[in-house]
Amino acid sequence: MEIKIGIQNVGREIVLESAQNADEVATLVSEAISKGAELRLTDDKGRVVIVPANVLGYVEVGAEESRRVGFGAL
């Protein structure tokens, strides 16, 4: 699923594809904000994105995609 993270005072957003479901991402975001810690997400390629919770502008969680078939899956 696609996740977009907006950072305060930054014009560009962070976009990543993740295998985590929407509920897991929402739980991680709310825990990071409530504890004042960092938000850690892992993308499909195993890279870790770390964002301090105090600079989060928004987190947009896209709809979960079904498996692609055909040339688009390459």
C-alpha atoms as a PDB file:
ATOM      1  CA  MET A   1       0.000   0.000   0.000  1.00  0.00           C
ATOM      2  CA  GLU A   2       1.131   3.555  -0.604  1.00  0.00           C
ATOM      3  CA  ILE A   3       1.916   5.762   2.388  1.00  0.00           C
ATOM      4  CA  LYS A   4       2.470   9.517   2.097  1.00  0.00           C
ATOM      5  CA  ILE A   5       4.060  11.434   4.963  1.00  0.00           C
ATOM      6  CA  GLY A   6       3.899  15.217   5.096  1.00  0.00           C
ATOM      7  CA  ILE A   7       6.564  17.036   7.101  1.00  0.00           C
ATOM      8  CA  GLN A   8       5.980  20.483   8.633  1.00  0.00           C
ATOM      9  CA  ASN A   9       7.748  23.325   6.771  1.00  0.00           C
ATOM     10  CA  VAL A  10       8.879  20.995   3.954  1.00  0.00           C
ATOM     11  CA  GLY A  11       7.358  21.292   0.485  1.00  0.00           C
ATOM     12  CA  ARG A  12       7.830  17.665  -0.541  1.00  0.00           C
ATOM     13  CA  GLU A  13       6.208  14.633   0.976  1.00  0.00           C
ATOM     14  CA  ILE A  14       7.752  11.229   1.607  1.00  0.00           C
ATOM     15  CA  VAL A  15       6.086   8.493  -0.436  1.00  0.00           C
ATOM     16  CA  LEU A  16       6.736   4.807   0.139  1.00  0.00           C
ATOM     17  CA  GLU A  17       5.192   1.453  -0.685  1.00  0.00           C
ATOM     18  CA  SER A  18       4.766  -0.790   2.329  1.00  0.00           C
ATOM     19  CA  ALA A  19       3.570  -4.332   2.956  1.00  0.00           C
ATOM     20  CA  GLN A  20       2.079  -3.273   6.318  1.00  0.00           C
ATOM     21  CA  ASN A  21      -1.692  -2.966   6.482  1.00  0.00           C
ATOM     22  CA  ALA A  22      -3.585   0.237   7.271  1.00  0.00           C
ATOM     23  CA  ASP A  23      -4.297  -0.704  10.897  1.00  0.00           C
ATOM     24  CA  GLU A  24      -0.615  -1.397  11.637  1.00  0.00           C
ATOM     25  CA  VAL A  25       0.433   1.938  10.138  1.00  0.00           C
ATOM     26  CA  ALA A  26      -2.281   3.830  12.037  1.00  0.00           C
ATOM     27  CA  THR A  27      -1.174   2.194  15.297  1.00  0.00           C
ATOM     28  CA  LEU A  28       2.486   3.078  14.674  1.00  0.00           C
ATOM     29  CA  VAL A  29       1.578   6.693  13.877  1.00  0.00           C
ATOM     30  CA  SER A  30      -0.620   7.158  16.947  1.00  0.00           C
ATOM     31  CA  GLU A  31       2.002   5.565  19.241  1.00  0.00           C
ATOM     32  CA  ALA A  32       4.737   7.803  17.828  1.00  0.00           C
ATOM     33  CA  ILE A  33       2.642  10.935  18.311  1.00  0.00           C
ATOM     34  CA  SER A  34       1.466  10.042  21.817  1.00  0.00           C
ATOM     35  CA  LYS A  35       4.975   9.126  23.028  1.00  0.00           C
ATOM     36  CA  GLY A  36       6.711  11.968  21.184  1.00  0.00           C
ATOM     37  CA  ALA A  37       9.086   9.429  19.639  1.00  0.00           C
ATOM     38  CA  GLU A  38       9.965   8.809  16.017  1.00  0.00           C
ATOM     39  CA  LEU A  39       7.781   7.131  13.411  1.00  0.00           C
ATOM     40  CA  ARG A  40       9.554   4.112  11.868  1.00  0.00           C
ATOM     41  CA  LEU A  41       8.142   2.520   8.731  1.00  0.00           C
ATOM     42  CA  THR A  42       9.672  -0.140   6.485  1.00  0.00           C
ATOM     43  CA  ASP A  43       9.070  -0.097   2.746  1.00  0.00           C
ATOM     44  CA  ASP A  44       8.743  -3.038   0.339  1.00  0.00           C
ATOM     45  CA  LYS A  45      12.491  -3.087  -0.354  1.00  0.00           C
ATOM     46  CA  GLY A  46      13.441  -3.298   3.332  1.00  0.00           C
ATOM     47  CA  ARG A  47      14.483   0.340   3.733  1.00  0.00           C
ATOM     48  CA  VAL A  48      13.527   2.025   6.998  1.00  0.00           C
ATOM     49  CA  VAL A  49      12.076   5.551   7.038  1.00  0.00           C
ATOM     50  CA  ILE A  50      12.404   7.380  10.366  1.00  0.00           C
ATOM     51  CA  VAL A  51      10.564  10.658  10.976  1.00  0.00           C
ATOM     52  CA  PRO A  52      10.458  12.521  14.314  1.00  0.00           C
ATOM     53  CA  ALA A  53       6.831  12.629  15.491  1.00  0.00           C
ATOM     54  CA  ASN A  54       6.991  16.308  16.446  1.00  0.00           C
ATOM     55  CA  VAL A  55       7.474  17.361  12.775  1.00  0.00           C
ATOM     56  CA  LEU A  56       4.712  15.200  11.269  1.00  0.00           C
ATOM     57  CA  GLY A  57       2.225  17.231   9.273  1.00  0.00           C
ATOM     58  CA  TYR A  58       0.083  14.324   8.099  1.00  0.00           C
ATOM     59  CA  VAL A  59       0.225  10.642   7.229  1.00  0.00           C
ATOM     60  CA  GLU A  60      -1.956   9.463   4.346  1.00  0.00           C
ATOM     61  CA  VAL A  61      -2.516   5.722   4.119  1.00  0.00           C
ATOM     62  CA  GLY A  62      -3.687   4.528   0.700  1.00  0.00           C
ATOM     63  CA  ALA A  63      -6.014   1.660  -0.005  1.00  0.00           C
ATOM     64  CA  GLU A  64      -4.526  -1.793   0.043  1.00  0.00           C
ATOM     65  CA  GLU A  65      -3.840  -3.023  -3.484  1.00  0.00           C
ATOM     66  CA  SER A  66      -4.562  -6.470  -4.739  1.00  0.00           C
ATOM     67  CA  ARG A  67      -1.770  -8.270  -6.534  1.00  0.00           C
ATOM     68  CA  ARG A  68      -1.113  -6.823  -9.999  1.00  0.00           C
ATOM     69  CA  VAL A  69      -1.272  -9.051 -13.042  1.00  0.00           C
ATOM     70  CA  GLY A  70       0.366  -8.510 -16.421  1.00  0.00           C
ATOM     71  CA  PHE A  71       3.075  -6.128 -17.559  1.00  0.00           C
ATOM     72  CA  GLY A  72       2.336  -3.679 -14.719  1.00  0.00           C
ATOM     73  CA  ALA A  73       3.630  -6.217 -12.212  1.00  0.00           C
ATOM     74  CA  LEU A  74       7.193  -6.025 -13.577  1.00  0.00           C
END
